[in-house]
Structures are given as C-alpha cells and as structure tokens.
Amino acid sequence: HRCLQRHGISRLPDVEGDKPAKKKFKSYPIGYFHIDVAEVRTEQGKLHMFVAIDRTSKFAFVELHEKATTAISRDF
C-alpha cells in the first residue's frame, strides 16, 4: 500500500455516471428466518454449520453437527 501511495495510485478512480441506487430490503415480520448450511473444515475434520438469522432483529442461532442429514436439518 505504501508503494502505491508513493506513486499516487493508492485510490481507485471515481466511477463516472450515475451510481446504482441502493435498494432497501423488503420488510419482514419478526420471526422470519433465513436458514443456511455451510461446511466448516477444522483440524479434526469437517463440520456442518447450521445458521438461522432473523431478518428483522438480526438475531442469529448456530449449531455445529458432524453430519448434515435430513433428520438433523428438520430438527434444527
């Protein structure tokens, strides 16, 4: 970064023209959860991370499981 600053090229040029309008998220009632599953690698092996995030309050809940079966998904 210092080398780029020294040569005056450390910042990206401004984008010419109209900037895209920022969209607001659709409002949801509290209790509307976004649920996702991701694979996490550790020194001991891999785990499956189940995540639920409330779209309104941003409350997050996470569970780690060794397997991602239908029964575990349903119980989550």
N, C-alpha and C. Protein backbone atom coordinates (compact mmCIF):
# COMPACT_ATOMS: atom_id res chain seq x y z
N HIS A 1 0.82 -1.18 0.00
CA HIS A 1 0.00 0.00 0.00
C HIS A 1 0.87 1.26 0.00
N ARG A 2 1.96 1.24 0.75
CA ARG A 2 2.84 2.42 0.79
C ARG A 2 3.45 2.71 -0.58
N CYS A 3 3.80 1.67 -1.30
CA CYS A 3 4.36 1.86 -2.64
C CYS A 3 3.33 2.52 -3.55
N LEU A 4 2.09 2.08 -3.47
CA LEU A 4 1.04 2.68 -4.29
C LEU A 4 0.81 4.13 -3.90
N GLN A 5 0.85 4.42 -2.59
CA GLN A 5 0.70 5.81 -2.14
C GLN A 5 1.83 6.67 -2.67
N ARG A 6 3.04 6.15 -2.62
CA ARG A 6 4.21 6.90 -3.07
C ARG A 6 4.07 7.32 -4.53
N HIS A 7 3.42 6.47 -5.33
CA HIS A 7 3.25 6.77 -6.75
C HIS A 7 1.90 7.41 -7.07
N GLY A 8 1.13 7.70 -6.01
CA GLY A 8 -0.15 8.39 -6.20
C GLY A 8 -1.24 7.56 -6.83
N ILE A 9 -1.17 6.24 -6.67
CA ILE A 9 -2.19 5.38 -7.29
C ILE A 9 -2.84 4.46 -6.26
N SER A 10 -2.93 4.92 -5.03
CA SER A 10 -3.45 4.05 -3.98
C SER A 10 -4.97 4.07 -3.89
N ARG A 11 -5.63 4.94 -4.64
CA ARG A 11 -7.08 5.01 -4.57
C ARG A 11 -7.67 4.67 -5.94
N LEU A 12 -8.80 4.00 -5.92
CA LEU A 12 -9.49 3.70 -7.16
C LEU A 12 -10.11 4.98 -7.71
N PRO A 13 -10.16 5.13 -9.02
CA PRO A 13 -10.78 6.34 -9.58
C PRO A 13 -12.29 6.33 -9.32
N ASP A 14 -12.87 7.53 -9.22
CA ASP A 14 -14.31 7.63 -9.05
C ASP A 14 -15.01 7.11 -10.30
N VAL A 15 -16.13 6.46 -10.09
CA VAL A 15 -16.91 5.93 -11.20
C VAL A 15 -17.69 7.09 -11.82
N GLU A 16 -17.57 7.22 -13.12
CA GLU A 16 -18.30 8.29 -13.79
C GLU A 16 -19.71 7.82 -14.10
N GLY A 17 -20.63 8.76 -14.13
CA GLY A 17 -22.01 8.43 -14.44
C GLY A 17 -22.82 8.24 -13.17
N ASP A 18 -24.04 7.81 -13.36
CA ASP A 18 -24.94 7.62 -12.22
C ASP A 18 -24.55 6.37 -11.45
N LYS A 19 -24.55 6.51 -10.14
CA LYS A 19 -24.30 5.35 -9.30
C LYS A 19 -25.60 4.57 -9.17
N PRO A 20 -25.50 3.26 -9.08
CA PRO A 20 -26.73 2.47 -8.93
C PRO A 20 -27.41 2.83 -7.61
N ALA A 21 -28.72 2.92 -7.65
CA ALA A 21 -29.48 3.27 -6.45
C ALA A 21 -29.41 2.12 -5.44
N LYS A 22 -29.26 2.49 -4.18
CA LYS A 22 -29.23 1.47 -3.14
C LYS A 22 -30.65 0.99 -2.89
N LYS A 23 -30.80 -0.31 -2.88
CA LYS A 23 -32.12 -0.88 -2.64
C LYS A 23 -32.29 -1.17 -1.16
N LYS A 24 -33.47 -0.95 -0.66
CA LYS A 24 -33.77 -1.30 0.72
C LYS A 24 -34.32 -2.72 0.73
N PHE A 25 -34.00 -3.43 1.82
CA PHE A 25 -34.52 -4.78 1.95
C PHE A 25 -36.02 -4.73 2.21
N LYS A 26 -36.69 -5.72 1.72
CA LYS A 26 -38.11 -5.85 1.98
C LYS A 26 -38.30 -6.05 3.47
N SER A 27 -39.32 -5.42 4.05
CA SER A 27 -39.54 -5.58 5.50
C SER A 27 -40.28 -6.90 5.75
N TYR A 28 -39.84 -7.59 6.77
CA TYR A 28 -40.41 -8.88 7.13
C TYR A 28 -40.90 -8.81 8.57
N PRO A 29 -41.89 -9.61 8.93
CA PRO A 29 -42.31 -9.67 10.33
C PRO A 29 -41.25 -10.37 11.16
N ILE A 30 -41.18 -10.01 12.44
CA ILE A 30 -40.19 -10.66 13.31
C ILE A 30 -40.51 -12.15 13.37
N GLY A 31 -39.49 -12.96 13.33
CA GLY A 31 -39.68 -14.41 13.31
C GLY A 31 -39.51 -15.01 11.93
N TYR A 32 -39.23 -14.18 10.92
CA TYR A 32 -38.98 -14.67 9.57
C TYR A 32 -37.48 -14.96 9.47
N PHE A 33 -37.11 -16.23 9.42
CA PHE A 33 -35.72 -16.64 9.49
C PHE A 33 -35.17 -17.03 8.12
N HIS A 34 -33.93 -16.64 7.89
CA HIS A 34 -33.15 -17.12 6.75
C HIS A 34 -32.29 -18.26 7.29
N ILE A 35 -32.37 -19.43 6.70
CA ILE A 35 -31.64 -20.60 7.20
C ILE A 35 -30.65 -21.05 6.13
N ASP A 36 -29.44 -21.38 6.59
CA ASP A 36 -28.39 -21.79 5.66
C ASP A 36 -27.54 -22.87 6.31
N VAL A 37 -26.89 -23.67 5.49
CA VAL A 37 -25.97 -24.71 5.96
C VAL A 37 -24.65 -24.52 5.23
N ALA A 38 -23.55 -24.55 5.99
CA ALA A 38 -22.22 -24.40 5.39
C ALA A 38 -21.29 -25.47 5.95
N GLU A 39 -20.33 -25.87 5.14
CA GLU A 39 -19.34 -26.85 5.58
C GLU A 39 -18.13 -26.10 6.14
N VAL A 40 -17.70 -26.50 7.34
CA VAL A 40 -16.58 -25.85 8.01
C VAL A 40 -15.49 -26.89 8.21
N ARG A 41 -14.28 -26.58 7.80
CA ARG A 41 -13.16 -27.51 7.98
C ARG A 41 -12.36 -27.11 9.21
N THR A 42 -12.04 -28.11 10.05
CA THR A 42 -11.24 -27.89 11.25
C THR A 42 -10.07 -28.86 11.23
N GLU A 43 -9.20 -28.76 12.23
CA GLU A 43 -8.08 -29.70 12.32
C GLU A 43 -8.56 -31.13 12.53
N GLN A 44 -9.70 -31.28 13.20
CA GLN A 44 -10.23 -32.61 13.49
C GLN A 44 -11.04 -33.19 12.33
N GLY A 45 -11.37 -32.41 11.34
CA GLY A 45 -12.18 -32.88 10.23
C GLY A 45 -13.12 -31.80 9.77
N LYS A 46 -14.27 -32.21 9.23
CA LYS A 46 -15.22 -31.19 8.79
C LYS A 46 -16.49 -31.26 9.62
N LEU A 47 -17.11 -30.11 9.77
CA LEU A 47 -18.37 -29.98 10.48
C LEU A 47 -19.36 -29.27 9.57
N HIS A 48 -20.63 -29.43 9.88
CA HIS A 48 -21.67 -28.73 9.14
C HIS A 48 -22.27 -27.69 10.07
N MET A 49 -22.25 -26.44 9.63
CA MET A 49 -22.75 -25.33 10.44
C MET A 49 -24.14 -24.96 9.95
N PHE A 50 -25.12 -25.09 10.83
CA PHE A 50 -26.49 -24.71 10.55
C PHE A 50 -26.71 -23.32 11.15
N VAL A 51 -27.16 -22.38 10.33
CA VAL A 51 -27.32 -20.99 10.77
C VAL A 51 -28.74 -20.53 10.47
N ALA A 52 -29.35 -19.85 11.44
CA ALA A 52 -30.66 -19.22 11.25
C ALA A 52 -30.54 -17.77 11.69
N ILE A 53 -30.93 -16.84 10.81
CA ILE A 53 -30.84 -15.41 11.11
C ILE A 53 -32.22 -14.79 10.92
N ASP A 54 -32.71 -14.11 11.97
CA ASP A 54 -33.98 -13.39 11.88
C ASP A 54 -33.76 -12.16 11.01
N ARG A 55 -34.55 -12.00 9.97
CA ARG A 55 -34.34 -10.90 9.03
C ARG A 55 -34.65 -9.54 9.63
N THR A 56 -35.48 -9.48 10.67
CA THR A 56 -35.84 -8.20 11.26
C THR A 56 -34.91 -7.81 12.39
N SER A 57 -34.73 -8.70 13.36
CA SER A 57 -33.93 -8.36 14.55
C SER A 57 -32.45 -8.68 14.37
N LYS A 58 -32.09 -9.43 13.33
CA LYS A 58 -30.71 -9.88 13.07
C LYS A 58 -30.20 -10.85 14.13
N PHE A 59 -31.11 -11.43 14.92
CA PHE A 59 -30.74 -12.45 15.89
C PHE A 59 -30.27 -13.68 15.13
N ALA A 60 -29.13 -14.24 15.54
CA ALA A 60 -28.57 -15.40 14.85
C ALA A 60 -28.46 -16.58 15.81
N PHE A 61 -28.70 -17.77 15.28
CA PHE A 61 -28.58 -19.00 16.04
C PHE A 61 -27.77 -19.98 15.20
N VAL A 62 -26.76 -20.63 15.82
CA VAL A 62 -25.86 -21.52 15.09
C VAL A 62 -25.72 -22.84 15.83
N GLU A 63 -25.70 -23.93 15.08
CA GLU A 63 -25.39 -25.25 15.63
C GLU A 63 -24.37 -25.91 14.71
N LEU A 64 -23.43 -26.65 15.31
CA LEU A 64 -22.44 -27.42 14.54
C LEU A 64 -22.75 -28.90 14.68
N HIS A 65 -22.73 -29.62 13.56
CA HIS A 65 -23.01 -31.06 13.55
C HIS A 65 -21.97 -31.76 12.69
N GLU A 66 -21.69 -33.02 13.04
CA GLU A 66 -20.73 -33.80 12.26
C GLU A 66 -21.31 -34.26 10.93
N LYS A 67 -22.63 -34.41 10.86
CA LYS A 67 -23.29 -34.83 9.63
C LYS A 67 -24.41 -33.85 9.30
N ALA A 68 -24.76 -33.77 8.04
CA ALA A 68 -25.88 -32.93 7.60
C ALA A 68 -26.96 -33.85 7.02
N THR A 69 -27.69 -34.49 7.90
CA THR A 69 -28.73 -35.41 7.45
C THR A 69 -30.08 -34.69 7.40
N THR A 70 -31.04 -35.34 6.78
CA THR A 70 -32.38 -34.77 6.71
C THR A 70 -32.98 -34.62 8.09
N ALA A 71 -32.75 -35.59 8.96
CA ALA A 71 -33.30 -35.54 10.32
C ALA A 71 -32.71 -34.37 11.11
N ILE A 72 -31.41 -34.16 11.00
CA ILE A 72 -30.77 -33.05 11.70
C ILE A 72 -31.28 -31.73 11.15
N SER A 73 -31.43 -31.63 9.83
CA SER A 73 -31.95 -30.41 9.22
C SER A 73 -33.36 -30.12 9.69
N ARG A 74 -34.19 -31.13 9.74
CA ARG A 74 -35.58 -30.97 10.18
C ARG A 74 -35.64 -30.53 11.64
N ASP A 75 -34.80 -31.14 12.49
CA ASP A 75 -34.81 -30.80 13.92
C ASP A 75 -34.25 -29.42 14.19
N PHE A 76 -33.37 -28.97 13.33
CA PHE A 76 -32.80 -27.63 13.51
C PHE A 76 -33.90 -26.60 13.33
